[in-house]
Amino acid sequence: VDTSTRASIVVLGAGAPAATSRRDVQHRHGSHILEQIDEVLAQAGRTLDDVAALAVGTGPGSFTGLRVGLATMKTMAYARGLPLVGVMSTDALRLAAGEPEAVVVLPAGAHDHYLARPGRDPELLAAGELPAAVGSGPVIAIDTDADVLGTDATARGAEALEAMPASLLALAGARLAAGESVDVAELIPSYVA
């Protein structure tokens, strides 16, 4: 599950997506997430008893959206005794875009933005600081108007969101294969200072 953007993404699979639900929910993730989980299970002809592990995007991103996704997955992991892993949403977006060194930009409230560089903690930028802070490399702009960072960055962002379900599965699968999982009480969103 990833709820860091205006899209609510739920994917089921092992290695490759068996079923996916992606909805543009704006800021109403809580109104859709459980229905989407039921939807992907039905698409794949599975039940919750068939689920072996859970993964959730940890952001940065939508304050309420992240908490909806994390609370849902943490509750399911706890109630069903399933392993849980967190995946940085920005890492999944970079993998989805095929741009491992790209800067990822997401909205943070009405005018501010999160800026995430590979291997560094995300930053919170006030309105007007974004263009200078981005630099000259590739940019993946999510839920950001084209006039802010250009059409290439927003097109790359749209493509990344489309491919994000597969990248979420890939990153989560690698963590689970390495024996990683987190205690539900310790998994938190990617906070930005």
C-alpha atoms as a PDB file:
ATOM      1  CA  VAL A   1       0.000   0.000   0.000  1.00  0.00           C
ATOM      2  CA  ASP A   2       1.183   3.533  -0.707  1.00  0.00           C
ATOM      3  CA  THR A   3      -0.814   6.597   0.320  1.00  0.00           C
ATOM      4  CA  SER A   4       1.925   9.245   0.169  1.00  0.00           C
ATOM      5  CA  THR A   5       0.471  11.055  -2.851  1.00  0.00           C
ATOM      6  CA  ARG A   6      -2.988  12.032  -4.055  1.00  0.00           C
ATOM      7  CA  ALA A   7      -3.198   8.498  -5.422  1.00  0.00           C
ATOM      8  CA  SER A   8      -4.048   5.559  -3.229  1.00  0.00           C
ATOM      9  CA  ILE A   9      -2.152   2.509  -4.467  1.00  0.00           C
ATOM     10  CA  VAL A  10      -2.843  -1.062  -3.390  1.00  0.00           C
ATOM     11  CA  VAL A  11      -1.019  -3.942  -5.041  1.00  0.00           C
ATOM     12  CA  LEU A  12      -1.051  -7.688  -4.446  1.00  0.00           C
ATOM     13  CA  GLY A  13       1.590 -10.016  -5.766  1.00  0.00           C
ATOM     14  CA  ALA A  14       4.843 -11.852  -5.304  1.00  0.00           C
ATOM     15  CA  GLY A  15       7.532 -10.637  -7.657  1.00  0.00           C
ATOM     16  CA  ALA A  16       5.076  -9.157 -10.152  1.00  0.00           C
ATOM     17  CA  PRO A  17       1.706  -7.527  -9.553  1.00  0.00           C
ATOM     18  CA  ALA A  18      -1.190 -10.007  -9.633  1.00  0.00           C
ATOM     19  CA  ALA A  19      -3.744  -7.248  -8.996  1.00  0.00           C
ATOM     20  CA  THR A  20      -3.550  -3.480  -8.603  1.00  0.00           C
ATOM     21  CA  SER A  21      -5.881  -0.677  -7.586  1.00  0.00           C
ATOM     22  CA  ARG A  22      -4.782   2.909  -8.156  1.00  0.00           C
ATOM     23  CA  ARG A  23      -7.239   5.706  -7.450  1.00  0.00           C
ATOM     24  CA  ASP A  24      -6.871   9.455  -7.495  1.00  0.00           C
ATOM     25  CA  VAL A  25      -8.389  10.145  -4.089  1.00  0.00           C
ATOM     26  CA  GLN A  26      -6.978  13.639  -3.456  1.00  0.00           C
ATOM     27  CA  HIS A  27      -6.882  13.676   0.352  1.00  0.00           C
ATOM     28  CA  ARG A  28      -9.543  11.048   1.079  1.00  0.00           C
ATOM     29  CA  HIS A  29      -7.404   7.918   1.398  1.00  0.00           C
ATOM     30  CA  GLY A  30      -9.398   6.669   4.365  1.00  0.00           C
ATOM     31  CA  SER A  31     -12.555   6.531   2.263  1.00  0.00           C
ATOM     32  CA  HIS A  32     -10.964   4.163  -0.258  1.00  0.00           C
ATOM     33  CA  ILE A  33      -8.193   2.018   1.213  1.00  0.00           C
ATOM     34  CA  LEU A  34     -10.243  -0.866   2.635  1.00  0.00           C
ATOM     35  CA  GLU A  35     -12.374  -1.054  -0.494  1.00  0.00           C
ATOM     36  CA  GLN A  36      -9.194  -1.163  -2.600  1.00  0.00           C
ATOM     37  CA  ILE A  37      -7.790  -4.003  -0.506  1.00  0.00           C
ATOM     38  CA  ASP A  38     -10.987  -5.975  -1.087  1.00  0.00           C
ATOM     39  CA  GLU A  39     -10.802  -5.085  -4.784  1.00  0.00           C
ATOM     40  CA  VAL A  40      -7.266  -6.440  -5.345  1.00  0.00           C
ATOM     41  CA  LEU A  41      -8.027  -9.593  -3.384  1.00  0.00           C
ATOM     42  CA  ALA A  42     -11.103 -10.202  -5.541  1.00  0.00           C
ATOM     43  CA  GLN A  43      -9.187  -9.446  -8.771  1.00  0.00           C
ATOM     44  CA  ALA A  44      -6.555 -12.021  -7.837  1.00  0.00           C
ATOM     45  CA  GLY A  45      -9.083 -14.560  -6.552  1.00  0.00           C
ATOM     46  CA  ARG A  46      -7.483 -14.465  -3.098  1.00  0.00           C
ATOM     47  CA  THR A  47      -8.483 -13.812   0.512  1.00  0.00           C
ATOM     48  CA  LEU A  48      -6.631 -12.261   3.414  1.00  0.00           C
ATOM     49  CA  ASP A  49      -5.669 -15.793   4.461  1.00  0.00           C
ATOM     50  CA  ASP A  50      -3.494 -15.966   1.320  1.00  0.00           C
ATOM     51  CA  VAL A  51      -1.490 -12.859   2.248  1.00  0.00           C
ATOM     52  CA  ALA A  52       1.949 -13.763   3.634  1.00  0.00           C
ATOM     53  CA  ALA A  53       3.406 -10.294   4.314  1.00  0.00           C
ATOM     54  CA  LEU A  54       2.531  -6.617   4.131  1.00  0.00           C
ATOM     55  CA  ALA A  55       4.390  -3.527   2.949  1.00  0.00           C
ATOM     56  CA  VAL A  56       3.563   0.154   3.175  1.00  0.00           C
ATOM     57  CA  GLY A  57       5.028   3.347   1.743  1.00  0.00           C
ATOM     58  CA  THR A  58       6.487   5.554   4.449  1.00  0.00           C
ATOM     59  CA  GLY A  59       6.660   8.822   2.523  1.00  0.00           C
ATOM     60  CA  PRO A  60       7.373  11.595   2.736  1.00  0.00           C
ATOM     61  CA  GLY A  61       4.067  12.854   1.522  1.00  0.00           C
ATOM     62  CA  SER A  62       0.504  13.555   2.444  1.00  0.00           C
ATOM     63  CA  PHE A  63       0.355  13.892   6.242  1.00  0.00           C
ATOM     64  CA  THR A  64      -3.050  12.275   6.652  1.00  0.00           C
ATOM     65  CA  GLY A  65      -2.623   9.908   3.710  1.00  0.00           C
ATOM     66  CA  LEU A  66       0.539   8.398   5.168  1.00  0.00           C
ATOM     67  CA  ARG A  67      -1.126   7.825   8.500  1.00  0.00           C
ATOM     68  CA  VAL A  68      -4.110   6.124   6.856  1.00  0.00           C
ATOM     69  CA  GLY A  69      -1.834   3.735   4.955  1.00  0.00           C
ATOM     70  CA  LEU A  70       0.416   3.017   7.907  1.00  0.00           C
ATOM     71  CA  ALA A  71      -2.432   2.578  10.379  1.00  0.00           C
ATOM     72  CA  THR A  72      -4.230   0.194   8.029  1.00  0.00           C
ATOM     73  CA  MET A  73      -1.171  -1.959   7.324  1.00  0.00           C
ATOM     74  CA  LYS A  74       0.037  -1.917  10.943  1.00  0.00           C
ATOM     75  CA  THR A  75      -3.400  -3.008  12.152  1.00  0.00           C
ATOM     76  CA  MET A  76      -3.580  -5.805   9.595  1.00  0.00           C
ATOM     77  CA  ALA A  77      -0.042  -6.975  10.403  1.00  0.00           C
ATOM     78  CA  TYR A  78      -0.760  -7.011  14.123  1.00  0.00           C
ATOM     79  CA  ALA A  79      -4.178  -8.662  13.867  1.00  0.00           C
ATOM     80  CA  ARG A  80      -3.035 -11.353  11.440  1.00  0.00           C
ATOM     81  CA  GLY A  81       0.499 -11.867  12.786  1.00  0.00           C
ATOM     82  CA  LEU A  82       2.089 -10.963   9.437  1.00  0.00           C
ATOM     83  CA  PRO A  83       5.549  -9.536   8.774  1.00  0.00           C
ATOM     84  CA  LEU A  84       5.512  -5.856   7.823  1.00  0.00           C
ATOM     85  CA  VAL A  85       8.073  -3.747   5.971  1.00  0.00           C
ATOM     86  CA  GLY A  86       8.177  -0.043   5.278  1.00  0.00           C
ATOM     87  CA  VAL A  87       9.333   1.255   1.903  1.00  0.00           C
ATOM     88  CA  MET A  88      10.364   4.853   1.289  1.00  0.00           C
ATOM     89  CA  SER A  89       7.821   6.083  -1.228  1.00  0.00           C
ATOM     90  CA  THR A  90      10.479   8.204  -2.923  1.00  0.00           C
ATOM     91  CA  ASP A  91      12.691   5.130  -3.446  1.00  0.00           C
ATOM     92  CA  ALA A  92       9.746   3.333  -5.058  1.00  0.00           C
ATOM     93  CA  LEU A  93       9.107   6.340  -7.312  1.00  0.00           C
ATOM     94  CA  ARG A  94      12.769   6.473  -8.408  1.00  0.00           C
ATOM     95  CA  LEU A  95      12.757   2.756  -9.193  1.00  0.00           C
ATOM     96  CA  ALA A  96       9.446   3.107 -11.045  1.00  0.00           C
ATOM     97  CA  ALA A  97      10.853   5.959 -13.142  1.00  0.00           C
ATOM     98  CA  GLY A  98      14.126   4.141 -13.807  1.00  0.00           C
ATOM     99  CA  GLU A  99      15.947   7.187 -12.431  1.00  0.00           C
ATOM    100  CA  PRO A 100      17.963   6.101  -9.354  1.00  0.00           C
ATOM    101  CA  GLU A 101      19.650   9.511  -9.012  1.00  0.00           C
ATOM    102  CA  ALA A 102      16.549  11.651  -9.544  1.00  0.00           C
ATOM    103  CA  VAL A 103      15.287  14.231  -7.112  1.00  0.00           C
ATOM    104  CA  VAL A 104      11.682  13.520  -6.089  1.00  0.00           C
ATOM    105  CA  VAL A 105       9.379  16.459  -5.390  1.00  0.00           C
ATOM    106  CA  LEU A 106       6.014  16.100  -3.653  1.00  0.00           C
ATOM    107  CA  PRO A 107       3.603  18.731  -2.314  1.00  0.00           C
ATOM    108  CA  ALA A 108       3.669  19.501   1.395  1.00  0.00           C
ATOM    109  CA  GLY A 109       0.532  21.400   2.176  1.00  0.00           C
ATOM    110  CA  ALA A 110      -0.889  24.170   0.028  1.00  0.00           C
ATOM    111  CA  HIS A 111       2.339  25.818  -1.148  1.00  0.00           C
ATOM    112  CA  ASP A 112       5.371  23.990   0.259  1.00  0.00           C
ATOM    113  CA  HIS A 113       7.157  20.929  -1.144  1.00  0.00           C
ATOM    114  CA  TYR A 114       9.135  17.925   0.013  1.00  0.00           C
ATOM    115  CA  LEU A 115      12.386  17.422  -1.842  1.00  0.00           C
ATOM    116  CA  ALA A 116      14.023  13.995  -1.582  1.00  0.00           C
ATOM    117  CA  ARG A 117      17.521  13.357  -2.911  1.00  0.00           C
ATOM    118  CA  PRO A 118      18.887   9.818  -3.093  1.00  0.00           C
ATOM    119  CA  GLY A 119      20.581   8.742   0.141  1.00  0.00           C
ATOM    120  CA  ARG A 120      19.620  11.873   2.064  1.00  0.00           C
ATOM    121  CA  ASP A 121      16.813  12.800   4.401  1.00  0.00           C
ATOM    122  CA  PRO A 122      13.937  14.604   2.676  1.00  0.00           C
ATOM    123  CA  GLU A 123      13.760  18.365   3.046  1.00  0.00           C
ATOM    124  CA  LEU A 124      10.795  20.703   3.456  1.00  0.00           C
ATOM    125  CA  LEU A 125      10.973  23.717   1.162  1.00  0.00           C
ATOM    126  CA  ALA A 126       8.844  26.830   1.362  1.00  0.00           C
ATOM    127  CA  ALA A 127       7.091  28.185  -1.697  1.00  0.00           C
ATOM    128  CA  GLY A 128       9.601  29.808  -4.043  1.00  0.00           C
ATOM    129  CA  GLU A 129      12.629  27.818  -2.815  1.00  0.00           C
ATOM    130  CA  LEU A 130      11.964  24.792  -4.999  1.00  0.00           C
ATOM    131  CA  PRO A 131      13.382  25.675  -8.436  1.00  0.00           C
ATOM    132  CA  ALA A 132      16.782  26.712  -7.066  1.00  0.00           C
ATOM    133  CA  ALA A 133      16.998  23.716  -4.702  1.00  0.00           C
ATOM    134  CA  VAL A 134      16.264  21.089  -7.367  1.00  0.00           C
ATOM    135  CA  GLY A 135      19.448  21.578  -9.381  1.00  0.00           C
ATOM    136  CA  SER A 136      20.090  20.339 -12.902  1.00  0.00           C
ATOM    137  CA  GLY A 137      19.608  16.551 -12.672  1.00  0.00           C
ATOM    138  CA  PRO A 138      16.497  14.532 -13.413  1.00  0.00           C
ATOM    139  CA  VAL A 139      13.377  15.438 -11.408  1.00  0.00           C
ATOM    140  CA  ILE A 140      10.310  13.334 -10.627  1.00  0.00           C
ATOM    141  CA  ALA A 141       7.516  15.777  -9.805  1.00  0.00           C
ATOM    142  CA  ILE A 142       4.461  14.234  -8.159  1.00  0.00           C
ATOM    143  CA  ASP A 143       1.185  16.150  -7.819  1.00  0.00           C
ATOM    144  CA  THR A 144       3.017  19.343  -8.845  1.00  0.00           C
ATOM    145  CA  ASP A 145       1.886  21.738 -11.577  1.00  0.00           C
ATOM    146  CA  ALA A 146       4.003  21.688 -14.741  1.00  0.00           C
ATOM    147  CA  ASP A 147       4.640  25.437 -14.445  1.00  0.00           C
ATOM    148  CA  VAL A 148       6.616  24.819 -11.227  1.00  0.00           C
ATOM    149  CA  LEU A 149       9.265  22.367 -12.526  1.00  0.00           C
ATOM    150  CA  GLY A 150       8.408  21.828 -16.187  1.00  0.00           C
ATOM    151  CA  THR A 151       6.558  19.281 -18.261  1.00  0.00           C
ATOM    152  CA  ASP A 152       9.405  16.724 -18.294  1.00  0.00           C
ATOM    153  CA  ALA A 153       9.403  16.509 -14.486  1.00  0.00           C
ATOM    154  CA  THR A 154       5.617  16.168 -14.272  1.00  0.00           C
ATOM    155  CA  ALA A 155       5.521  13.612 -17.112  1.00  0.00           C
ATOM    156  CA  ARG A 156       8.229  11.601 -15.330  1.00  0.00           C
ATOM    157  CA  GLY A 157       6.127  11.821 -12.166  1.00  0.00           C
ATOM    158  CA  ALA A 158       2.986  10.555 -13.903  1.00  0.00           C
ATOM    159  CA  GLU A 159       4.925   7.639 -15.407  1.00  0.00           C
ATOM    160  CA  ALA A 160       6.458   6.812 -12.021  1.00  0.00           C
ATOM    161  CA  LEU A 161       3.038   6.722 -10.355  1.00  0.00           C
ATOM    162  CA  GLU A 162       1.790   4.301 -13.032  1.00  0.00           C
ATOM    163  CA  ALA A 163       4.751   1.969 -12.492  1.00  0.00           C
ATOM    164  CA  MET A 164       4.866   2.362  -8.707  1.00  0.00           C
ATOM    165  CA  PRO A 165       2.930  -0.825  -7.825  1.00  0.00           C
ATOM    166  CA  ALA A 166       5.643  -3.035  -9.354  1.00  0.00           C
ATOM    167  CA  SER A 167       8.437  -1.056  -7.697  1.00  0.00           C
ATOM    168  CA  LEU A 168       6.719  -1.265  -4.299  1.00  0.00           C
ATOM    169  CA  LEU A 169       6.554  -5.037  -4.669  1.00  0.00           C
ATOM    170  CA  ALA A 170      10.189  -5.235  -5.772  1.00  0.00           C
ATOM    171  CA  LEU A 171      11.525  -3.173  -2.865  1.00  0.00           C
ATOM    172  CA  ALA A 172       9.302  -4.899  -0.307  1.00  0.00           C
ATOM    173  CA  GLY A 173      10.202  -8.325  -1.702  1.00  0.00           C
ATOM    174  CA  ALA A 174      13.915  -7.568  -1.410  1.00  0.00           C
ATOM    175  CA  ARG A 175      13.506  -6.506   2.222  1.00  0.00           C
ATOM    176  CA  LEU A 176      11.444  -9.550   3.105  1.00  0.00           C
ATOM    177  CA  ALA A 177      13.897 -11.875   1.309  1.00  0.00           C
ATOM    178  CA  ALA A 178      16.684 -10.340   3.405  1.00  0.00           C
ATOM    179  CA  GLY A 179      14.703 -11.213   6.535  1.00  0.00           C
ATOM    180  CA  GLU A 180      13.792  -7.632   7.303  1.00  0.00           C
ATOM    181  CA  SER A 181      10.541  -6.726   8.974  1.00  0.00           C
ATOM    182  CA  VAL A 182       9.623  -4.126  11.548  1.00  0.00           C
ATOM    183  CA  ASP A 183       7.680  -4.145  14.762  1.00  0.00           C
ATOM    184  CA  VAL A 184       4.320  -2.506  14.109  1.00  0.00           C
ATOM    185  CA  ALA A 185       4.887  -0.171  17.061  1.00  0.00           C
ATOM    186  CA  GLU A 186       8.157   1.111  15.599  1.00  0.00           C
ATOM    187  CA  LEU A 187       7.170   1.807  11.983  1.00  0.00           C
ATOM    188  CA  ILE A 188       6.626   5.537  11.489  1.00  0.00           C
ATOM    189  CA  PRO A 189       6.256   7.829   8.471  1.00  0.00           C
ATOM    190  CA  SER A 190       9.286   9.556   7.016  1.00  0.00           C
ATOM    191  CA  TYR A 191       9.176  12.782   8.954  1.00  0.00           C
ATOM    192  CA  VAL A 192      10.731  15.911   7.529  1.00  0.00           C
ATOM    193  CA  ALA A 193      12.417  18.350   9.867  1.00  0.00           C
END
